[in-house]
C-alpha atoms as a PDB file:
ATOM      1  CA  MET A   1      25.698  32.105  -4.539  1.00  0.00           C
ATOM      2  CA  LEU A   2      23.726  34.513  -3.068  1.00  0.00           C
ATOM      3  CA  SER A   3      23.946  38.480  -2.366  1.00  0.00           C
ATOM      4  CA  SER A   4      24.832  39.628   1.089  1.00  0.00           C
ATOM      5  CA  SER A   5      22.102  42.381   0.935  1.00  0.00           C
ATOM      6  CA  ARG A   6      18.386  41.750   1.671  1.00  0.00           C
ATOM      7  CA  PRO A   7      16.122  43.890  -0.545  1.00  0.00           C
ATOM      8  CA  GLY A   8      12.601  44.109  -0.685  1.00  0.00           C
ATOM      9  CA  SER A   9      11.267  40.499  -1.052  1.00  0.00           C
ATOM     10  CA  PRO A  10       8.489  39.501  -3.819  1.00  0.00           C
ATOM     11  CA  PRO A  11       5.930  37.272  -2.751  1.00  0.00           C
ATOM     12  CA  PRO A  12       6.916  34.015  -1.326  1.00  0.00           C
ATOM     13  CA  THR A  13       7.300  31.194  -3.639  1.00  0.00           C
ATOM     14  CA  ALA A  14       4.357  29.169  -0.951  1.00  0.00           C
ATOM     15  CA  ASP A  15       2.402  31.796  -2.338  1.00  0.00           C
ATOM     16  CA  ALA A  16       1.801  30.549  -6.158  1.00  0.00           C
ATOM     17  CA  GLY A  17      -1.479  29.801  -5.309  1.00  0.00           C
ATOM     18  CA  GLY A  18      -1.532  26.616  -6.911  1.00  0.00           C
ATOM     19  CA  LEU A  19      -0.418  27.820 -10.646  1.00  0.00           C
ATOM     20  CA  GLU A  20       2.272  25.068 -10.642  1.00  0.00           C
ATOM     21  CA  VAL A  21      -0.269  22.447 -11.619  1.00  0.00           C
ATOM     22  CA  PHE A  22      -0.961  24.588 -15.094  1.00  0.00           C
ATOM     23  CA  GLY A  23       0.223  22.441 -18.196  1.00  0.00           C
ATOM     24  CA  LEU A  24       0.687  19.229 -15.799  1.00  0.00           C
ATOM     25  CA  ASP A  25      -0.468  16.054 -17.954  1.00  0.00           C
ATOM     26  CA  LEU A  26      -3.459  14.849 -15.547  1.00  0.00           C
ATOM     27  CA  PRO A  27      -2.161  11.274 -15.532  1.00  0.00           C
ATOM     28  CA  LEU A  28       1.245  12.534 -14.147  1.00  0.00           C
ATOM     29  CA  LEU A  29      -0.668  14.815 -11.773  1.00  0.00           C
ATOM     30  CA  PRO A  30      -1.122  12.218  -8.669  1.00  0.00           C
ATOM     31  CA  LYS A  31       2.980  11.749  -9.202  1.00  0.00           C
ATOM     32  CA  ALA A  32       3.607  15.008  -9.206  1.00  0.00           C
ATOM     33  CA  LEU A  33       1.584  15.604  -6.086  1.00  0.00           C
ATOM     34  CA  ALA A  34       3.445  12.639  -4.136  1.00  0.00           C
ATOM     35  CA  ILE A  35       6.837  14.474  -4.867  1.00  0.00           C
ATOM     36  CA  ARG A  36       5.512  17.320  -3.439  1.00  0.00           C
ATOM     37  CA  ASP A  37       4.004  15.626  -0.376  1.00  0.00           C
ATOM     38  CA  TRP A  38       7.078  13.941  -0.013  1.00  0.00           C
ATOM     39  CA  LEU A  39       9.082  17.208   0.292  1.00  0.00           C
ATOM     40  CA  LEU A  40       6.935  18.603   2.645  1.00  0.00           C
ATOM     41  CA  ALA A  41       6.612  15.789   5.196  1.00  0.00           C
ATOM     42  CA  GLU A  42       9.166  12.827   4.762  1.00  0.00           C
ATOM     43  CA  ALA A  43      12.112  14.922   3.466  1.00  0.00           C
ATOM     44  CA  ALA A  44      11.709  17.497   5.879  1.00  0.00           C
ATOM     45  CA  GLN A  45      12.614  15.080   8.347  1.00  0.00           C
ATOM     46  CA  LEU A  46      15.818  13.671   7.005  1.00  0.00           C
ATOM     47  CA  PRO A  47      18.433  14.119   9.232  1.00  0.00           C
ATOM     48  CA  ASP A  48      21.105  14.906   6.489  1.00  0.00           C
ATOM     49  CA  PRO A  49      19.868  17.796   4.243  1.00  0.00           C
ATOM     50  CA  GLY A  50      22.271  16.023   1.872  1.00  0.00           C
ATOM     51  CA  GLN A  51      20.177  12.990   1.100  1.00  0.00           C
ATOM     52  CA  ILE A  52      17.243  15.364  -0.046  1.00  0.00           C
ATOM     53  CA  LEU A  53      18.628  15.789  -3.804  1.00  0.00           C
ATOM     54  CA  PRO A  54      19.511  12.601  -4.606  1.00  0.00           C
ATOM     55  CA  ALA A  55      15.957  11.260  -3.354  1.00  0.00           C
ATOM     56  CA  LEU A  56      14.066  14.178  -5.154  1.00  0.00           C
ATOM     57  CA  ALA A  57      16.422  13.114  -8.311  1.00  0.00           C
ATOM     58  CA  GLU A  58      15.325   9.607  -7.798  1.00  0.00           C
ATOM     59  CA  ARG A  59      11.642  10.781  -8.037  1.00  0.00           C
ATOM     60  CA  LEU A  60      12.000  12.847 -11.058  1.00  0.00           C
ATOM     61  CA  ILE A  61      13.895  10.100 -12.908  1.00  0.00           C
ATOM     62  CA  ALA A  62      11.115   7.638 -11.700  1.00  0.00           C
ATOM     63  CA  LEU A  63       8.533  10.187 -13.491  1.00  0.00           C
ATOM     64  CA  GLY A  64      10.383  10.086 -16.878  1.00  0.00           C
ATOM     65  CA  ILE A  65      12.365  13.624 -16.289  1.00  0.00           C
ATOM     66  CA  PRO A  66      16.124  12.962 -17.740  1.00  0.00           C
ATOM     67  CA  ILE A  67      17.278  15.248 -14.791  1.00  0.00           C
ATOM     68  CA  GLU A  68      21.332  14.394 -14.521  1.00  0.00           C
ATOM     69  CA  ARG A  69      22.123  17.251 -12.525  1.00  0.00           C
ATOM     70  CA  ILE A  70      20.477  19.259  -9.453  1.00  0.00           C
ATOM     71  CA  THR A  71      21.853  22.414  -7.484  1.00  0.00           C
ATOM     72  CA  THR A  72      20.210  24.482  -4.414  1.00  0.00           C
ATOM     73  CA  ALA A  73      21.557  27.986  -3.580  1.00  0.00           C
ATOM     74  CA  ILE A  74      20.773  28.418   0.101  1.00  0.00           C
ATOM     75  CA  ASP A  75      20.740  31.801   1.720  1.00  0.00           C
ATOM     76  CA  VAL A  76      21.560  31.473   5.483  1.00  0.00           C
ATOM     77  CA  LEU A  77      22.172  34.085   8.367  1.00  0.00           C
ATOM     78  CA  HIS A  78      25.534  33.192   9.686  1.00  0.00           C
ATOM     79  CA  SER A  79      28.370  35.447  10.642  1.00  0.00           C
ATOM     80  CA  GLU A  80      30.900  32.709   9.004  1.00  0.00           C
ATOM     81  CA  TYR A  81      29.288  32.528   5.452  1.00  0.00           C
ATOM     82  CA  ALA A  82      26.687  33.743   3.380  1.00  0.00           C
ATOM     83  CA  GLY A  83      25.180  30.444   1.766  1.00  0.00           C
ATOM     84  CA  ILE A  84      25.425  26.690   0.848  1.00  0.00           C
ATOM     85  CA  GLU A  85      25.372  25.034  -2.079  1.00  0.00           C
ATOM     86  CA  ARG A  86      24.459  21.507  -2.873  1.00  0.00           C
ATOM     87  CA  PHE A  87      24.915  19.842  -5.743  1.00  0.00           C
ATOM     88  CA  TRP A  88      23.609  16.253  -7.302  1.00  0.00           C
ATOM     89  CA  THR A  89      24.875  15.050 -10.630  1.00  0.00           C
ATOM     90  CA  LYS A  90      24.199  11.712 -11.830  1.00  0.00           C
ATOM     91  CA  GLU A  91      27.551  10.466 -11.821  1.00  0.00           C
ATOM     92  CA  GLU A  92      29.059  11.993  -8.447  1.00  0.00           C
ATOM     93  CA  GLY A  93      26.242  11.805  -6.381  1.00  0.00           C
ATOM     94  CA  ALA A  94      25.553  14.569  -3.698  1.00  0.00           C
ATOM     95  CA  THR A  95      28.339  17.040  -2.469  1.00  0.00           C
ATOM     96  CA  SER A  96      28.251  20.893  -0.784  1.00  0.00           C
ATOM     97  CA  ARG A  97      30.016  23.944  -0.024  1.00  0.00           C
ATOM     98  CA  ARG A  98      30.184  27.039   1.911  1.00  0.00           C
ATOM     99  CA  LEU A  99      29.722  30.283   0.362  1.00  0.00           C
ATOM    100  CA  PRO A 100      32.181  32.930   2.005  1.00  0.00           C
ATOM    101  CA  HIS A 101      31.102  36.446   2.776  1.00  0.00           C
ATOM    102  CA  GLY A 102      32.908  39.035   1.132  1.00  0.00           C
ATOM    103  CA  PRO A 103      33.240  41.423  -1.979  1.00  0.00           C
ATOM    104  CA  GLU A 104      34.310  38.522  -4.229  1.00  0.00           C
ATOM    105  CA  HIS A 105      31.237  36.655  -3.202  1.00  0.00           C
ATOM    106  CA  ASP A 106      28.890  39.321  -4.187  1.00  0.00           C
ATOM    107  CA  ARG A 107      30.915  40.262  -7.266  1.00  0.00           C
ATOM    108  CA  LEU A 108      30.373  36.440  -8.248  1.00  0.00           C
ATOM    109  CA  TYR A 109      26.532  36.420  -7.273  1.00  0.00           C
ATOM    110  CA  GLY A 110      25.882  39.463  -9.379  1.00  0.00           C
ATOM    111  CA  GLU A 111      27.184  37.877 -12.341  1.00  0.00           C
ATOM    112  CA  SER A 112      25.351  34.789 -11.574  1.00  0.00           C
ATOM    113  CA  PRO A 113      21.976  33.408 -13.041  1.00  0.00           C
ATOM    114  CA  PHE A 114      20.535  33.286  -9.509  1.00  0.00           C
ATOM    115  CA  ALA A 115      21.056  36.910  -9.421  1.00  0.00           C
ATOM    116  CA  HIS A 116      19.149  37.448 -12.687  1.00  0.00           C
ATOM    117  CA  VAL A 117      16.203  35.261 -11.646  1.00  0.00           C
ATOM    118  CA  HIS A 118      16.203  36.965  -8.405  1.00  0.00           C
ATOM    119  CA  HIS A 119      15.959  40.332 -10.057  1.00  0.00           C
ATOM    120  CA  THR A 120      13.391  39.294 -12.775  1.00  0.00           C
ATOM    121  CA  ARG A 121      11.220  36.995 -10.368  1.00  0.00           C
ATOM    122  CA  GLU A 122      10.749  34.557 -13.467  1.00  0.00           C
ATOM    123  CA  TRP A 123      12.105  31.246 -14.254  1.00  0.00           C
ATOM    124  CA  LEU A 124      15.032  30.848 -16.649  1.00  0.00           C
ATOM    125  CA  LEU A 125      15.138  28.168 -19.535  1.00  0.00           C
ATOM    126  CA  LEU A 126      18.227  28.198 -21.328  1.00  0.00           C
ATOM    127  CA  ASP A 127      19.347  25.903 -24.674  1.00  0.00           C
ATOM    128  CA  LEU A 128      22.910  25.948 -24.117  1.00  0.00           C
ATOM    129  CA  ALA A 129      23.294  24.595 -27.556  1.00  0.00           C
ATOM    130  CA  GLN A 130      22.294  28.464 -28.628  1.00  0.00           C
ATOM    131  CA  THR A 131      23.395  30.246 -25.434  1.00  0.00           C
ATOM    132  CA  PRO A 132      26.659  32.279 -25.743  1.00  0.00           C
ATOM    133  CA  ASP A 133      29.377  31.389 -23.070  1.00  0.00           C
ATOM    134  CA  SER A 134      29.580  35.223 -22.165  1.00  0.00           C
ATOM    135  CA  ARG A 135      26.059  35.136 -20.768  1.00  0.00           C
ATOM    136  CA  PHE A 136      26.889  33.460 -17.413  1.00  0.00           C
ATOM    137  CA  GLY A 137      30.076  32.287 -15.982  1.00  0.00           C
ATOM    138  CA  ILE A 138      28.857  29.015 -15.557  1.00  0.00           C
ATOM    139  CA  ILE A 139      27.863  28.423 -19.414  1.00  0.00           C
ATOM    140  CA  PRO A 140      31.194  27.080 -20.640  1.00  0.00           C
ATOM    141  CA  ASP A 141      31.318  24.379 -17.914  1.00  0.00           C
ATOM    142  CA  LEU A 142      28.058  23.158 -18.269  1.00  0.00           C
ATOM    143  CA  LYS A 143      28.197  22.771 -22.124  1.00  0.00           C
ATOM    144  CA  ALA A 144      31.653  20.815 -21.740  1.00  0.00           C
ATOM    145  CA  ALA A 145      29.742  18.368 -19.489  1.00  0.00           C
ATOM    146  CA  GLY A 146      27.395  17.872 -21.564  1.00  0.00           C
ATOM    147  CA  TYR A 147      24.656  19.366 -20.473  1.00  0.00           C
ATOM    148  CA  ARG A 148      21.811  20.820 -23.148  1.00  0.00           C
ATOM    149  CA  HIS A 149      19.104  22.852 -20.722  1.00  0.00           C
ATOM    150  CA  TYR A 150      19.733  24.940 -17.967  1.00  0.00           C
ATOM    151  CA  LEU A 151      16.557  25.662 -15.848  1.00  0.00           C
ATOM    152  CA  VAL A 152      17.059  28.076 -13.183  1.00  0.00           C
ATOM    153  CA  VAL A 153      14.137  28.655 -10.602  1.00  0.00           C
ATOM    154  CA  PRO A 154      14.163  31.424  -8.143  1.00  0.00           C
ATOM    155  CA  ILE A 155      12.594  30.510  -4.384  1.00  0.00           C
ATOM    156  CA  PHE A 156      11.545  33.532  -2.335  1.00  0.00           C
ATOM    157  CA  LEU A 157      10.686  32.870   1.362  1.00  0.00           C
ATOM    158  CA  THR A 158       8.496  34.894   3.991  1.00  0.00           C
ATOM    159  CA  ASP A 159      11.654  35.776   6.251  1.00  0.00           C
ATOM    160  CA  GLY A 160      12.750  37.765   3.074  1.00  0.00           C
ATOM    161  CA  THR A 161      15.472  35.380   1.962  1.00  0.00           C
ATOM    162  CA  HIS A 162      16.412  34.621  -1.356  1.00  0.00           C
ATOM    163  CA  HIS A 163      17.460  30.814  -2.770  1.00  0.00           C
ATOM    164  CA  GLY A 164      17.541  28.715  -5.703  1.00  0.00           C
ATOM    165  CA  LEU A 165      17.319  25.654  -7.873  1.00  0.00           C
ATOM    166  CA  THR A 166      18.494  24.755 -11.059  1.00  0.00           C
ATOM    167  CA  PHE A 167      17.967  21.508 -13.162  1.00  0.00           C
ATOM    168  CA  HIS A 168      20.108  20.008 -15.758  1.00  0.00           C
ATOM    169  CA  PRO A 169      19.121  17.097 -18.388  1.00  0.00           C
ATOM    170  CA  ARG A 170      21.897  16.386 -21.152  1.00  0.00           C
ATOM    171  CA  ARG A 171      19.001  16.300 -23.645  1.00  0.00           C
ATOM    172  CA  PRO A 172      16.564  18.823 -24.924  1.00  0.00           C
ATOM    173  CA  TYR A 173      13.603  18.573 -22.656  1.00  0.00           C
ATOM    174  CA  PHE A 174      12.173  21.596 -20.949  1.00  0.00           C
ATOM    175  CA  ARG A 175       9.602  24.010 -22.884  1.00  0.00           C
ATOM    176  CA  PRO A 176       8.365  27.442 -21.929  1.00  0.00           C
ATOM    177  CA  THR A 177       4.656  28.124 -20.979  1.00  0.00           C
ATOM    178  CA  THR A 178       2.706  30.874 -21.149  1.00  0.00           C
ATOM    179  CA  ARG A 179       2.660  31.451 -17.566  1.00  0.00           C
ATOM    180  CA  GLY A 180       6.608  32.658 -17.309  1.00  0.00           C
ATOM    181  CA  ASN A 181       7.201  29.405 -15.561  1.00  0.00           C
ATOM    182  CA  PHE A 182       8.150  26.019 -17.168  1.00  0.00           C
ATOM    183  CA  ALA A 183       6.751  22.421 -17.639  1.00  0.00           C
ATOM    184  CA  ALA A 184       8.379  19.206 -18.820  1.00  0.00           C
ATOM    185  CA  ARG A 185       7.350  18.039 -22.058  1.00  0.00           C
ATOM    186  CA  GLU A 186       5.327  15.671 -20.411  1.00  0.00           C
ATOM    187  CA  GLY A 187       4.376  18.077 -17.743  1.00  0.00           C
ATOM    188  CA  GLY A 188       6.225  16.622 -14.882  1.00  0.00           C
ATOM    189  CA  VAL A 189       8.535  18.936 -13.881  1.00  0.00           C
ATOM    190  CA  CYS A 190       5.811  21.088 -12.267  1.00  0.00           C
ATOM    191  CA  ALA A 191       6.592  18.599  -9.050  1.00  0.00           C
ATOM    192  CA  MET A 192      10.043  20.827  -9.063  1.00  0.00           C
ATOM    193  CA  SER A 193       8.567  23.945  -8.083  1.00  0.00           C
ATOM    194  CA  VAL A 194       7.504  22.961  -4.622  1.00  0.00           C
ATOM    195  CA  THR A 195      10.493  24.051  -2.331  1.00  0.00           C
ATOM    196  CA  PRO A 196      12.903  21.664  -0.838  1.00  0.00           C
ATOM    197  CA  PRO A 197      12.326  21.759   2.880  1.00  0.00           C
ATOM    198  CA  GLU A 198      16.294  22.432   3.587  1.00  0.00           C
ATOM    199  CA  ILE A 199      15.055  25.926   2.343  1.00  0.00           C
ATOM    200  CA  ARG A 200      12.323  26.742   4.792  1.00  0.00           C
ATOM    201  CA  PRO A 201      12.620  29.132   7.731  1.00  0.00           C
ATOM    202  CA  GLY A 202      14.333  27.222  10.525  1.00  0.00           C
ATOM    203  CA  SER A 203      14.366  23.801   8.790  1.00  0.00           C
ATOM    204  CA  ALA A 204      18.271  23.061   8.128  1.00  0.00           C
ATOM    205  CA  LEU A 205      19.781  26.295   8.197  1.00  0.00           C
ATOM    206  CA  ARG A 206      21.607  25.337  11.648  1.00  0.00           C
ATOM    207  CA  PRO A 207      25.371  25.824  11.594  1.00  0.00           C
ATOM    208  CA  LYS A 208      27.488  22.488  10.770  1.00  0.00           C
END
């Protein structure tokens, strides 16, 4: 869920300058770069954006990253809805929903982890075993589903739109790094810092 307003944007995620490779174990670097290249090329050509998260999850799991839930929050310029949320879970596969305009949407966004990371411009990692239910509205549901870590990644594009990704394993896996971002315990999650093609300008934001 995303804000209806568009304040001044931070530097786009694409301008990270390669910092996403810091902390990545060298044996995993070619595999992580292969995921990046897939996102930039093949995934961008998929006819159905709903295919992206399942395929990304498959590649991350193949790296040994125990991802069991991924979500994206996609800001769109549309008269009927403010954004699109896409979900992938190990149990249910891929689903999506449109986020309506209006004060209720703005209130929910303001209280959400996405608003938090858009404000701080930092990745957010929560150990749900140590996070109070009151921190964000989604926390009780994530705990009830058995997730242990909750990683929230802000994405800023050159057109001023703000987007987000979340990743959820059911066992402790992520650790903080010194650059305010995060790497997996083996470093492989750095591959996740690439923006999926669906949330690049003009790629898959057309009304359906």
